[in-house]
């Protein structure tokens, strides 16, 4: 159960853009390729903040456009 919990939190950090993970490969002494560990890279905090603000701005613009479209539909349905 612990692995699922850790994986859940890692996935949340990835979705929020705070970290990037990459699988690694290990070559054993016998020459076999095996899966290694995940390589974690922390993203620069300013990039994360900028991305967050850009996402918020996109959501605000989308909400504004939806409201504008709803207003136009109401005006078309009940002409004064």
PDB file of N, CA and C in Angstrom:
ATOM      1  N   UNK A   1       0.802  -1.199   0.000  1.00  0.00           N
ATOM      2  CA  UNK A   1       0.000   0.000   0.000  1.00  0.00           C
ATOM      3  C   UNK A   1       0.849   1.269   0.000  1.00  0.00           C
ATOM      4  N   UNK A   2       2.020   1.211   0.625  1.00  0.00           N
ATOM      5  CA  UNK A   2       2.864   2.390   0.682  1.00  0.00           C
ATOM      6  C   UNK A   2       3.265   2.865  -0.706  1.00  0.00           C
ATOM      7  N   UNK A   3       3.576   1.937  -1.591  1.00  0.00           N
ATOM      8  CA  UNK A   3       4.022   2.290  -2.934  1.00  0.00           C
ATOM      9  C   UNK A   3       2.929   3.059  -3.670  1.00  0.00           C
ATOM     10  N   UNK A   4       1.679   2.637  -3.530  1.00  0.00           N
ATOM     11  CA  UNK A   4       0.591   3.340  -4.191  1.00  0.00           C
ATOM     12  C   UNK A   4       0.456   4.753  -3.649  1.00  0.00           C
ATOM     13  N   UNK A   5       0.633   4.923  -2.353  1.00  0.00           N
ATOM     14  CA  UNK A   5       0.545   6.252  -1.753  1.00  0.00           C
ATOM     15  C   UNK A   5       1.670   7.143  -2.263  1.00  0.00           C
ATOM     16  N   UNK A   6       2.887   6.629  -2.301  1.00  0.00           N
ATOM     17  CA  UNK A   6       4.022   7.403  -2.795  1.00  0.00           C
ATOM     18  C   UNK A   6       3.795   7.767  -4.254  1.00  0.00           C
ATOM     19  N   UNK A   7       3.366   6.792  -5.048  1.00  0.00           N
ATOM     20  CA  UNK A   7       3.126   7.042  -6.477  1.00  0.00           C
ATOM     21  C   UNK A   7       2.054   8.106  -6.676  1.00  0.00           C
ATOM     22  N   UNK A   8       1.030   8.077  -5.829  1.00  0.00           N
ATOM     23  CA  UNK A   8      -0.050   9.067  -5.916  1.00  0.00           C
ATOM     24  C   UNK A   8       0.507  10.474  -5.699  1.00  0.00           C
ATOM     25  N   UNK A   9       1.354  10.635  -4.686  1.00  0.00           N
ATOM     26  CA  UNK A   9       1.903  11.956  -4.393  1.00  0.00           C
ATOM     27  C   UNK A   9       2.906  12.401  -5.453  1.00  0.00           C
ATOM     28  N   UNK A  10       3.675  11.465  -5.983  1.00  0.00           N
ATOM     29  CA  UNK A  10       4.595  11.805  -7.072  1.00  0.00           C
ATOM     30  C   UNK A  10       3.802  12.288  -8.278  1.00  0.00           C
ATOM     31  N   UNK A  11       2.725  11.578  -8.613  1.00  0.00           N
ATOM     32  CA  UNK A  11       1.875  11.963  -9.749  1.00  0.00           C
ATOM     33  C   UNK A  11       1.281  13.360  -9.538  1.00  0.00           C
ATOM     34  N   UNK A  12       0.874  13.680  -8.317  1.00  0.00           N
ATOM     35  CA  UNK A  12       0.329  15.010  -8.024  1.00  0.00           C
ATOM     36  C   UNK A  12       1.386  16.094  -8.229  1.00  0.00           C
ATOM     37  N   UNK A  13       2.611  15.831  -7.794  1.00  0.00           N
ATOM     38  CA  UNK A  13       3.683  16.803  -7.996  1.00  0.00           C
ATOM     39  C   UNK A  13       3.977  17.000  -9.481  1.00  0.00           C
ATOM     40  N   UNK A  14       3.914  15.905 -10.250  1.00  0.00           N
ATOM     41  CA  UNK A  14       4.116  16.000 -11.700  1.00  0.00           C
ATOM     42  C   UNK A  14       2.995  16.800 -12.344  1.00  0.00           C
ATOM     43  N   UNK A  15       1.750  16.522 -11.956  1.00  0.00           N
ATOM     44  CA  UNK A  15       0.606  17.225 -12.538  1.00  0.00           C
ATOM     45  C   UNK A  15       0.651  18.719 -12.251  1.00  0.00           C
ATOM     46  N   UNK A  16       1.161  19.068 -11.095  1.00  0.00           N
ATOM     47  CA  UNK A  16       1.271  20.485 -10.730  1.00  0.00           C
ATOM     48  C   UNK A  16       2.492  21.139 -11.357  1.00  0.00           C
ATOM     49  N   UNK A  17       3.321  20.339 -12.005  1.00  0.00           N
ATOM     50  CA  UNK A  17       4.481  20.881 -12.695  1.00  0.00           C
ATOM     51  C   UNK A  17       5.653  21.191 -11.787  1.00  0.00           C
ATOM     52  N   UNK A  18       5.650  20.647 -10.580  1.00  0.00           N
ATOM     53  CA  UNK A  18       6.734  20.927  -9.646  1.00  0.00           C
ATOM     54  C   UNK A  18       7.953  20.054  -9.886  1.00  0.00           C
ATOM     55  N   UNK A  19       7.734  18.836 -10.394  1.00  0.00           N
ATOM     56  CA  UNK A  19       8.845  17.930 -10.672  1.00  0.00           C
ATOM     57  C   UNK A  19       8.650  17.281 -12.031  1.00  0.00           C
ATOM     58  N   UNK A  20       9.746  16.757 -12.548  1.00  0.00           N
ATOM     59  CA  UNK A  20       9.738  15.954 -13.771  1.00  0.00           C
ATOM     60  C   UNK A  20      10.411  14.641 -13.400  1.00  0.00           C
ATOM     61  N   UNK A  21       9.823  13.525 -13.815  1.00  0.00           N
ATOM     62  CA  UNK A  21      10.442  12.230 -13.529  1.00  0.00           C
ATOM     63  C   UNK A  21      10.800  11.537 -14.831  1.00  0.00           C
ATOM     64  N   UNK A  22      11.887  10.790 -14.781  1.00  0.00           N
ATOM     65  CA  UNK A  22      12.324  10.009 -15.935  1.00  0.00           C
ATOM     66  C   UNK A  22      12.753   8.627 -15.438  1.00  0.00           C
ATOM     67  N   UNK A  23      12.330   7.577 -16.125  1.00  0.00           N
ATOM     68  CA  UNK A  23      12.808   6.253 -15.734  1.00  0.00           C
ATOM     69  C   UNK A  23      14.278   6.108 -16.129  1.00  0.00           C
ATOM     70  N   UNK A  24      15.008   5.324 -15.375  1.00  0.00           N
ATOM     71  CA  UNK A  24      16.417   5.085 -15.700  1.00  0.00           C
ATOM     72  C   UNK A  24      16.620   3.599 -15.970  1.00  0.00           C
ATOM     73  N   UNK A  25      17.743   3.266 -16.582  1.00  0.00           N
ATOM     74  CA  UNK A  25      18.106   1.875 -16.842  1.00  0.00           C
ATOM     75  C   UNK A  25      19.439   1.584 -16.178  1.00  0.00           C
ATOM     76  N   UNK A  26      19.574   0.372 -15.730  1.00  0.00           N
ATOM     77  CA  UNK A  26      20.810  -0.069 -15.094  1.00  0.00           C
ATOM     78  C   UNK A  26      21.321  -1.281 -15.864  1.00  0.00           C
ATOM     79  N   UNK A  27      22.618  -1.320 -16.094  1.00  0.00           N
ATOM     80  CA  UNK A  27      23.227  -2.486 -16.738  1.00  0.00           C
ATOM     81  C   UNK A  27      23.959  -3.259 -15.644  1.00  0.00           C
ATOM     82  N   UNK A  28      23.556  -4.506 -15.446  1.00  0.00           N
ATOM     83  CA  UNK A  28      24.155  -5.330 -14.400  1.00  0.00           C
ATOM     84  C   UNK A  28      25.551  -5.782 -14.811  1.00  0.00           C
ATOM     85  N   UNK A  29      26.267  -6.377 -13.886  1.00  0.00           N
ATOM     86  CA  UNK A  29      27.607  -6.901 -14.190  1.00  0.00           C
ATOM     87  C   UNK A  29      27.542  -7.965 -15.272  1.00  0.00           C
ATOM     88  N   UNK A  30      26.403  -8.669 -15.336  1.00  0.00           N
ATOM     89  CA  UNK A  30      26.229  -9.707 -16.350  1.00  0.00           C
ATOM     90  C   UNK A  30      25.861  -9.105 -17.704  1.00  0.00           C
ATOM     91  N   UNK A  31      25.709  -7.771 -17.764  1.00  0.00           N
ATOM     92  CA  UNK A  31      25.407  -7.112 -19.027  1.00  0.00           C
ATOM     93  C   UNK A  31      23.919  -7.025 -19.340  1.00  0.00           C
ATOM     94  N   UNK A  32      23.060  -7.374 -18.379  1.00  0.00           N
ATOM     95  CA  UNK A  32      21.618  -7.297 -18.598  1.00  0.00           C
ATOM     96  C   UNK A  32      21.108  -5.885 -18.319  1.00  0.00           C
ATOM     97  N   UNK A  33      20.166  -5.457 -19.153  1.00  0.00           N
ATOM     98  CA  UNK A  33      19.531  -4.168 -18.920  1.00  0.00           C
ATOM     99  C   UNK A  33      18.361  -4.365 -17.974  1.00  0.00           C
ATOM    100  N   UNK A  34      18.289  -3.549 -16.948  1.00  0.00           N
ATOM    101  CA  UNK A  34      17.197  -3.612 -15.980  1.00  0.00           C
ATOM    102  C   UNK A  34      16.650  -2.208 -15.762  1.00  0.00           C
ATOM    103  N   UNK A  35      15.397  -2.161 -15.309  1.00  0.00           N
ATOM    104  CA  UNK A  35      14.829  -0.876 -14.936  1.00  0.00           C
ATOM    105  C   UNK A  35      15.523  -0.375 -13.676  1.00  0.00           C
ATOM    106  N   UNK A  36      15.822   0.899 -13.668  1.00  0.00           N
ATOM    107  CA  UNK A  36      16.433   1.507 -12.489  1.00  0.00           C
ATOM    108  C   UNK A  36      15.374   2.226 -11.676  1.00  0.00           C
ATOM    109  N   UNK A  37      15.768   3.294 -11.060  1.00  0.00           N
ATOM    110  CA  UNK A  37      14.856   4.118 -10.273  1.00  0.00           C
ATOM    111  C   UNK A  37      14.362   5.281 -11.114  1.00  0.00           C
ATOM    112  N   UNK A  38      13.379   5.993 -10.584  1.00  0.00           N
ATOM    113  CA  UNK A  38      12.954   7.216 -11.244  1.00  0.00           C
ATOM    114  C   UNK A  38      13.963   8.312 -10.931  1.00  0.00           C
ATOM    115  N   UNK A  39      14.289   9.094 -11.945  1.00  0.00           N
ATOM    116  CA  UNK A  39      15.160  10.251 -11.766  1.00  0.00           C
ATOM    117  C   UNK A  39      14.254  11.462 -11.588  1.00  0.00           C
ATOM    118  N   UNK A  40      14.370  12.138 -10.461  1.00  0.00           N
ATOM    119  CA  UNK A  40      13.534  13.291 -10.162  1.00  0.00           C
ATOM    120  C   UNK A  40      14.289  14.568 -10.459  1.00  0.00           C
ATOM    121  N   UNK A  41      13.616  15.500 -11.124  1.00  0.00           N
ATOM    122  CA  UNK A  41      14.189  16.812 -11.393  1.00  0.00           C
ATOM    123  C   UNK A  41      13.200  17.852 -10.897  1.00  0.00           C
ATOM    124  N   UNK A  42      13.662  18.715 -10.000  1.00  0.00           N
ATOM    125  CA  UNK A  42      12.827  19.809  -9.522  1.00  0.00           C
ATOM    126  C   UNK A  42      12.842  20.918 -10.553  1.00  0.00           C
ATOM    127  N   UNK A  43      11.679  21.436 -10.869  1.00  0.00           N
ATOM    128  CA  UNK A  43      11.608  22.534 -11.828  1.00  0.00           C
ATOM    129  C   UNK A  43      11.898  23.845 -11.121  1.00  0.00           C
ATOM    130  N   UNK A  44      12.480  24.813 -11.808  1.00  0.00           N
ATOM    131  CA  UNK A  44      12.730  26.126 -11.189  1.00  0.00           C
ATOM    132  C   UNK A  44      11.405  26.739 -10.713  1.00  0.00           C
ATOM    133  N   UNK A  45      11.404  27.237  -9.491  1.00  0.00           N
ATOM    134  CA  UNK A  45      10.172  27.697  -8.874  1.00  0.00           C
ATOM    135  C   UNK A  45       9.530  28.841  -9.663  1.00  0.00           C
ATOM    136  N   UNK A  46      10.331  29.721 -10.252  1.00  0.00           N
ATOM    137  CA  UNK A  46       9.746  30.838 -11.010  1.00  0.00           C
ATOM    138  C   UNK A  46       8.985  30.327 -12.228  1.00  0.00           C
ATOM    139  N   UNK A  47       9.494  29.284 -12.886  1.00  0.00           N
ATOM    140  CA  UNK A  47       8.771  28.691 -14.013  1.00  0.00           C
ATOM    141  C   UNK A  47       7.442  28.100 -13.549  1.00  0.00           C
ATOM    142  N   UNK A  48       7.462  27.449 -12.397  1.00  0.00           N
ATOM    143  CA  UNK A  48       6.248  26.843 -11.852  1.00  0.00           C
ATOM    144  C   UNK A  48       5.221  27.925 -11.551  1.00  0.00           C
ATOM    145  N   UNK A  49       5.668  29.018 -10.932  1.00  0.00           N
ATOM    146  CA  UNK A  49       4.764  30.128 -10.597  1.00  0.00           C
ATOM    147  C   UNK A  49       4.201  30.746 -11.870  1.00  0.00           C
ATOM    148  N   UNK A  50       5.064  30.998 -12.850  1.00  0.00           N
ATOM    149  CA  UNK A  50       4.605  31.579 -14.119  1.00  0.00           C
ATOM    150  C   UNK A  50       3.585  30.686 -14.798  1.00  0.00           C
ATOM    151  N   UNK A  51       3.843  29.376 -14.793  1.00  0.00           N
ATOM    152  CA  UNK A  51       2.915  28.425 -15.410  1.00  0.00           C
ATOM    153  C   UNK A  51       1.573  28.431 -14.669  1.00  0.00           C
ATOM    154  N   UNK A  52       1.619  28.511 -13.354  1.00  0.00           N
ATOM    155  CA  UNK A  52       0.397  28.548 -12.552  1.00  0.00           C
ATOM    156  C   UNK A  52      -0.435  29.785 -12.900  1.00  0.00           C
ATOM    157  N   UNK A  53       0.219  30.953 -12.968  1.00  0.00           N
ATOM    158  CA  UNK A  53      -0.499  32.181 -13.307  1.00  0.00           C
ATOM    159  C   UNK A  53      -1.054  32.129 -14.728  1.00  0.00           C
ATOM    160  N   UNK A  54      -0.296  31.563 -15.655  1.00  0.00           N
ATOM    161  CA  UNK A  54      -0.769  31.443 -17.039  1.00  0.00           C
ATOM    162  C   UNK A  54      -2.002  30.549 -17.101  1.00  0.00           C
ATOM    163  N   UNK A  55      -1.986  29.443 -16.333  1.00  0.00           N
ATOM    164  CA  UNK A  55      -3.133  28.536 -16.294  1.00  0.00           C
ATOM    165  C   UNK A  55      -4.356  29.236 -15.707  1.00  0.00           C
ATOM    166  N   UNK A  56      -4.145  30.019 -14.635  1.00  0.00           N
ATOM    167  CA  UNK A  56      -5.249  30.754 -14.033  1.00  0.00           C
ATOM    168  C   UNK A  56      -5.823  31.773 -15.006  1.00  0.00           C
ATOM    169  N   UNK A  57      -4.948  32.460 -15.748  1.00  0.00           N
ATOM    170  CA  UNK A  57      -5.395  33.449 -16.722  1.00  0.00           C
ATOM    171  C   UNK A  57      -6.205  32.781 -17.836  1.00  0.00           C
ATOM    172  N   UNK A  58      -5.758  31.621 -18.309  1.00  0.00           N
ATOM    173  CA  UNK A  58      -6.504  30.890 -19.338  1.00  0.00           C
ATOM    174  C   UNK A  58      -7.897  30.505 -18.833  1.00  0.00           C
ATOM    175  N   UNK A  59      -7.969  30.030 -17.580  1.00  0.00           N
ATOM    176  CA  UNK A  59      -9.263  29.655 -17.009  1.00  0.00           C
ATOM    177  C   UNK A  59     -10.173  30.867 -16.893  1.00  0.00           C
ATOM    178  N   UNK A  60      -9.619  32.014 -16.500  1.00  0.00           N
ATOM    179  CA  UNK A  60     -10.401  33.237 -16.381  1.00  0.00           C
ATOM    180  C   UNK A  60     -10.914  33.692 -17.747  1.00  0.00           C
ATOM    181  N   UNK A  61     -10.053  33.626 -18.755  1.00  0.00           N
ATOM    182  CA  UNK A  61     -10.468  34.004 -20.107  1.00  0.00           C
ATOM    183  C   UNK A  61     -11.571  33.079 -20.623  1.00  0.00           C
ATOM    184  N   UNK A  62     -11.452  31.793 -20.335  1.00  0.00           N
ATOM    185  CA  UNK A  62     -12.470  30.833 -20.755  1.00  0.00           C
ATOM    186  C   UNK A  62     -13.794  31.109 -20.052  1.00  0.00           C
ATOM    187  N   UNK A  63     -13.747  31.385 -18.760  1.00  0.00           N
ATOM    188  CA  UNK A  63     -14.966  31.693 -18.012  1.00  0.00           C
ATOM    189  C   UNK A  63     -15.615  32.977 -18.534  1.00  0.00           C
ATOM    190  N   UNK A  64     -14.800  33.968 -18.863  1.00  0.00           N
ATOM    191  CA  UNK A  64     -15.311  35.225 -19.411  1.00  0.00           C
ATOM    192  C   UNK A  64     -15.987  34.981 -20.755  1.00  0.00           C
ATOM    193  N   UNK A  65     -15.375  34.165 -21.594  1.00  0.00           N
ATOM    194  CA  UNK A  65     -15.954  33.858 -22.905  1.00  0.00           C
ATOM    195  C   UNK A  65     -17.269  33.102 -22.765  1.00  0.00           C
ATOM    196  N   UNK A  66     -17.322  32.158 -21.820  1.00  0.00           N
ATOM    197  CA  UNK A  66     -18.571  31.434 -21.574  1.00  0.00           C
ATOM    198  C   UNK A  66     -19.678  32.375 -21.123  1.00  0.00           C
ATOM    199  N   UNK A  67     -19.325  33.303 -20.237  1.00  0.00           N
ATOM    200  CA  UNK A  67     -20.315  34.264 -19.743  1.00  0.00           C
ATOM    201  C   UNK A  67     -20.798  35.155 -20.881  1.00  0.00           C
ATOM    202  N   UNK A  68     -19.883  35.575 -21.735  1.00  0.00           N
ATOM    203  CA  UNK A  68     -20.248  36.421 -22.880  1.00  0.00           C
ATOM    204  C   UNK A  68     -21.186  35.651 -23.821  1.00  0.00           C
ATOM    205  N   UNK A  69     -20.885  34.386 -24.074  1.00  0.00           N
ATOM    206  CA  UNK A  69     -21.726  33.568 -24.952  1.00  0.00           C
ATOM    207  C   UNK A  69     -23.103  33.358 -24.328  1.00  0.00           C
ATOM    208  N   UNK A  70     -23.158  33.128 -23.011  1.00  0.00           N
ATOM    209  CA  UNK A  70     -24.447  32.941 -22.339  1.00  0.00           C
ATOM    210  C   UNK A  70     -25.279  34.206 -22.410  1.00  0.00           C
ATOM    211  N   UNK A  71     -24.657  35.353 -22.268  1.00  0.00           N
ATOM    212  CA  UNK A  71     -25.367  36.631 -22.351  1.00  0.00           C
ATOM    213  C   UNK A  71     -25.926  36.821 -23.759  1.00  0.00           C
ATOM    214  N   UNK A  72     -25.127  36.510 -24.780  1.00  0.00           N
ATOM    215  CA  UNK A  72     -25.600  36.642 -26.168  1.00  0.00           C
ATOM    216  C   UNK A  72     -26.776  35.706 -26.440  1.00  0.00           C
ATOM    217  N   UNK A  73     -26.716  34.476 -25.919  1.00  0.00           N
ATOM    218  CA  UNK A  73     -27.818  33.536 -26.106  1.00  0.00           C
ATOM    219  C   UNK A  73     -29.095  34.041 -25.445  1.00  0.00           C
ATOM    220  N   UNK A  74     -28.971  34.580 -24.239  1.00  0.00           N
ATOM    221  CA  UNK A  74     -30.147  35.115 -23.554  1.00  0.00           C
ATOM    222  C   UNK A  74     -30.749  36.271 -24.345  1.00  0.00           C
ATOM    223  N   UNK A  75     -29.895  37.131 -24.897  1.00  0.00           N
ATOM    224  CA  UNK A  75     -30.382  38.272 -25.667  1.00  0.00           C
ATOM    225  C   UNK A  75     -31.091  37.807 -26.947  1.00  0.00           C
ATOM    226  N   UNK A  76     -30.578  36.756 -27.569  1.00  0.00           N
ATOM    227  CA  UNK A  76     -31.196  36.233 -28.779  1.00  0.00           C
ATOM    228  C   UNK A  76     -32.529  35.541 -28.492  1.00  0.00           C
ATOM    229  N   UNK A  77     -32.620  34.889 -27.355  1.00  0.00           N
ATOM    230  CA  UNK A  77     -33.848  34.161 -27.004  1.00  0.00           C
ATOM    231  C   UNK A  77     -34.987  35.100 -26.622  1.00  0.00           C
ATOM    232  N   UNK A  78     -34.667  36.204 -26.009  1.00  0.00           N
ATOM    233  CA  UNK A  78     -35.722  37.150 -25.600  1.00  0.00           C
ATOM    234  C   UNK A  78     -35.387  38.562 -26.084  1.00  0.00           C
ATOM    235  N   UNK A  79     -35.656  38.810 -27.382  1.00  0.00           N
ATOM    236  CA  UNK A  79     -35.371  40.131 -27.930  1.00  0.00           C
ATOM    237  C   UNK A  79     -36.297  41.175 -27.284  1.00  0.00           C
ATOM    238  N   UNK A  80     -35.741  42.328 -27.007  1.00  0.00           N
ATOM    239  CA  UNK A  80     -36.511  43.386 -26.325  1.00  0.00           C
ATOM    240  C   UNK A  80     -37.210  44.279 -27.297  1.00  0.00           C
TER     241      UNK A  80
END
